[in-house]
Amino acid sequence: MASEPPRRVLEPLSAPQHFAPPSARELRAQAVQRLQTGLFGLAAILLIVGLADIINERALKAEAANQAPSTTASASPTGKGDPLADAGVVPSASASADAKPPATGGAPQN
């Protein structure tokens, strides 16, 4: 067996081959494959958007749960507070108005 040359499955081509149009079965297989690919892509996008929505919703719930006690405790009793001062970004106007200027005595300082 090892001494025999390999047999050829097809005869050598003697003339150029012309294009053979795909059969109805091949066309149907291609259409089904395209449809499956498109549906899989849509399902993947739907899954990603759904997961992003769930993550966003849980983050908002966690943020609201963490901020609820601190906002009620730091709110001013009058209800009119400066949000930037409450966040600590700028000094509070009520703290500077309540502070007394330092006593300088009678002598001017140079």
C-alpha atoms as a PDB file:
ATOM      1  CA  MET A   1       0.000   0.000   0.000  1.00  0.00           C
ATOM      2  CA  ALA A   2       2.722   2.458   0.815  1.00  0.00           C
ATOM      3  CA  SER A   3       4.306   1.885  -2.574  1.00  0.00           C
ATOM      4  CA  GLU A   4       1.126   2.790  -4.511  1.00  0.00           C
ATOM      5  CA  PRO A   5       0.762   6.394  -5.683  1.00  0.00           C
ATOM      6  CA  PRO A   6      -2.260   8.247  -4.285  1.00  0.00           C
ATOM      7  CA  ARG A   7      -5.381   7.998  -6.388  1.00  0.00           C
ATOM      8  CA  ARG A   8      -6.920  11.142  -7.745  1.00  0.00           C
ATOM      9  CA  VAL A   9     -10.475  11.851  -6.770  1.00  0.00           C
ATOM     10  CA  LEU A  10     -11.176  14.191  -9.676  1.00  0.00           C
ATOM     11  CA  GLU A  11      -9.801  14.231 -13.153  1.00  0.00           C
ATOM     12  CA  PRO A  12      -7.527  17.160 -13.985  1.00  0.00           C
ATOM     13  CA  LEU A  13      -9.350  20.140 -15.419  1.00  0.00           C
ATOM     14  CA  SER A  14      -8.864  20.522 -19.129  1.00  0.00           C
ATOM     15  CA  ALA A  15     -10.954  23.679 -19.592  1.00  0.00           C
ATOM     16  CA  PRO A  16     -11.855  26.649 -17.392  1.00  0.00           C
ATOM     17  CA  GLN A  17     -14.871  26.106 -15.194  1.00  0.00           C
ATOM     18  CA  HIS A  18     -17.816  28.467 -15.413  1.00  0.00           C
ATOM     19  CA  PHE A  19     -19.623  29.965 -12.450  1.00  0.00           C
ATOM     20  CA  ALA A  20     -22.318  27.670 -11.129  1.00  0.00           C
ATOM     21  CA  PRO A  21     -25.133  29.615  -9.498  1.00  0.00           C
ATOM     22  CA  PRO A  22     -26.059  28.492  -5.994  1.00  0.00           C
ATOM     23  CA  SER A  23     -28.927  26.087  -5.738  1.00  0.00           C
ATOM     24  CA  ALA A  24     -32.189  26.859  -3.963  1.00  0.00           C
ATOM     25  CA  ARG A  25     -31.012  24.819  -0.987  1.00  0.00           C
ATOM     26  CA  GLU A  26     -27.796  26.865  -0.688  1.00  0.00           C
ATOM     27  CA  LEU A  27     -29.701  30.150  -0.968  1.00  0.00           C
ATOM     28  CA  ARG A  28     -32.107  29.041   1.767  1.00  0.00           C
ATOM     29  CA  ALA A  29     -29.203  27.998   4.004  1.00  0.00           C
ATOM     30  CA  GLN A  30     -27.557  31.396   3.548  1.00  0.00           C
ATOM     31  CA  ALA A  31     -30.807  33.209   4.361  1.00  0.00           C
ATOM     32  CA  VAL A  32     -31.341  31.133   7.499  1.00  0.00           C
ATOM     33  CA  GLN A  33     -27.769  31.809   8.611  1.00  0.00           C
ATOM     34  CA  ARG A  34     -28.221  35.569   8.122  1.00  0.00           C
ATOM     35  CA  LEU A  35     -31.491  35.468  10.050  1.00  0.00           C
ATOM     36  CA  GLN A  36     -29.899  33.548  12.918  1.00  0.00           C
ATOM     37  CA  THR A  37     -26.985  35.975  13.065  1.00  0.00           C
ATOM     38  CA  GLY A  38     -29.293  38.992  13.141  1.00  0.00           C
ATOM     39  CA  LEU A  39     -31.530  37.531  15.835  1.00  0.00           C
ATOM     40  CA  PHE A  40     -28.512  36.590  17.934  1.00  0.00           C
ATOM     41  CA  GLY A  41     -27.173  40.144  17.603  1.00  0.00           C
ATOM     42  CA  LEU A  42     -30.494  41.662  18.632  1.00  0.00           C
ATOM     43  CA  ALA A  43     -30.711  39.319  21.633  1.00  0.00           C
ATOM     44  CA  ALA A  44     -27.170  40.243  22.684  1.00  0.00           C
ATOM     45  CA  ILE A  45     -27.920  43.974  22.475  1.00  0.00           C
ATOM     46  CA  LEU A  46     -31.154  43.500  24.427  1.00  0.00           C
ATOM     47  CA  LEU A  47     -29.254  41.590  27.115  1.00  0.00           C
ATOM     48  CA  ILE A  48     -26.565  44.262  27.399  1.00  0.00           C
ATOM     49  CA  VAL A  49     -29.115  47.091  27.644  1.00  0.00           C
ATOM     50  CA  GLY A  50     -31.113  45.160  30.241  1.00  0.00           C
ATOM     51  CA  LEU A  51     -28.040  44.507  32.369  1.00  0.00           C
ATOM     52  CA  ALA A  52     -26.995  48.162  32.145  1.00  0.00           C
ATOM     53  CA  ASP A  53     -30.469  49.221  33.266  1.00  0.00           C
ATOM     54  CA  ILE A  54     -30.383  46.841  36.235  1.00  0.00           C
ATOM     55  CA  ILE A  55     -26.924  48.069  37.275  1.00  0.00           C
ATOM     56  CA  ASN A  56     -27.989  51.704  36.947  1.00  0.00           C
ATOM     57  CA  GLU A  57     -31.171  51.130  38.954  1.00  0.00           C
ATOM     58  CA  ARG A  58     -29.295  49.396  41.788  1.00  0.00           C
ATOM     59  CA  ALA A  59     -26.672  52.146  41.864  1.00  0.00           C
ATOM     60  CA  LEU A  60     -29.374  54.807  42.171  1.00  0.00           C
ATOM     61  CA  LYS A  61     -31.076  52.846  44.971  1.00  0.00           C
ATOM     62  CA  ALA A  62     -27.791  52.466  46.846  1.00  0.00           C
ATOM     63  CA  GLU A  63     -26.994  56.142  46.414  1.00  0.00           C
ATOM     64  CA  ALA A  64     -30.437  57.165  47.635  1.00  0.00           C
ATOM     65  CA  ALA A  65     -30.146  54.851  50.640  1.00  0.00           C
ATOM     66  CA  ASN A  66     -26.741  56.299  51.566  1.00  0.00           C
ATOM     67  CA  GLN A  67     -27.787  59.934  51.158  1.00  0.00           C
ATOM     68  CA  ALA A  68     -31.182  59.813  52.878  1.00  0.00           C
ATOM     69  CA  PRO A  69     -29.950  60.018  56.527  1.00  0.00           C
ATOM     70  CA  SER A  70     -27.181  62.538  55.849  1.00  0.00           C
ATOM     71  CA  THR A  71     -29.379  65.047  53.996  1.00  0.00           C
ATOM     72  CA  THR A  72     -31.997  65.163  56.750  1.00  0.00           C
ATOM     73  CA  ALA A  73     -29.379  65.587  59.477  1.00  0.00           C
ATOM     74  CA  SER A  74     -27.418  68.347  57.726  1.00  0.00           C
ATOM     75  CA  ALA A  75     -30.405  70.294  56.434  1.00  0.00           C
ATOM     76  CA  SER A  76     -30.813  73.707  57.991  1.00  0.00           C
ATOM     77  CA  PRO A  77     -33.834  74.135  60.253  1.00  0.00           C
ATOM     78  CA  THR A  78     -35.237  76.977  58.146  1.00  0.00           C
ATOM     79  CA  GLY A  79     -35.232  74.797  55.022  1.00  0.00           C
ATOM     80  CA  LYS A  80     -33.322  77.435  53.029  1.00  0.00           C
ATOM     81  CA  GLY A  81     -29.819  76.110  52.711  1.00  0.00           C
ATOM     82  CA  ASP A  82     -27.060  76.665  50.245  1.00  0.00           C
ATOM     83  CA  PRO A  83     -26.461  73.345  48.466  1.00  0.00           C
ATOM     84  CA  LEU A  84     -22.824  74.176  47.756  1.00  0.00           C
ATOM     85  CA  ALA A  85     -22.226  75.053  51.407  1.00  0.00           C
ATOM     86  CA  ASP A  86     -23.991  71.864  52.492  1.00  0.00           C
ATOM     87  CA  ALA A  87     -21.680  69.857  50.236  1.00  0.00           C
ATOM     88  CA  GLY A  88     -18.642  71.665  51.684  1.00  0.00           C
ATOM     89  CA  VAL A  89     -17.612  73.250  48.384  1.00  0.00           C
ATOM     90  CA  VAL A  90     -17.912  76.870  49.579  1.00  0.00           C
ATOM     91  CA  PRO A  91     -18.005  78.280  53.101  1.00  0.00           C
ATOM     92  CA  SER A  92     -21.420  78.628  54.621  1.00  0.00           C
ATOM     93  CA  ALA A  93     -22.841  82.162  54.673  1.00  0.00           C
ATOM     94  CA  SER A  94     -24.542  81.571  58.031  1.00  0.00           C
ATOM     95  CA  ALA A  95     -21.252  80.466  59.656  1.00  0.00           C
ATOM     96  CA  SER A  96     -19.465  83.662  58.587  1.00  0.00           C
ATOM     97  CA  ALA A  97     -22.367  85.845  59.708  1.00  0.00           C
ATOM     98  CA  ASP A  98     -22.445  84.159  63.111  1.00  0.00           C
ATOM     99  CA  ALA A  99     -18.706  84.535  63.641  1.00  0.00           C
ATOM    100  CA  LYS A 100     -17.657  87.649  65.561  1.00  0.00           C
ATOM    101  CA  PRO A 101     -14.785  89.752  64.290  1.00  0.00           C
ATOM    102  CA  PRO A 102     -11.695  89.540  66.477  1.00  0.00           C
ATOM    103  CA  ALA A 103     -11.311  92.267  69.092  1.00  0.00           C
ATOM    104  CA  THR A 104      -8.490  94.581  68.055  1.00  0.00           C
ATOM    105  CA  GLY A 105      -8.527  96.879  71.021  1.00  0.00           C
ATOM    106  CA  GLY A 106      -7.859 100.568  70.489  1.00  0.00           C
ATOM    107  CA  ALA A 107      -4.482 100.311  68.778  1.00  0.00           C
ATOM    108  CA  PRO A 108      -4.343 100.041  64.986  1.00  0.00           C
ATOM    109  CA  GLN A 109      -2.249  97.188  63.680  1.00  0.00           C
ATOM    110  CA  ASN A 110       0.386  97.870  61.008  1.00  0.00           C
END
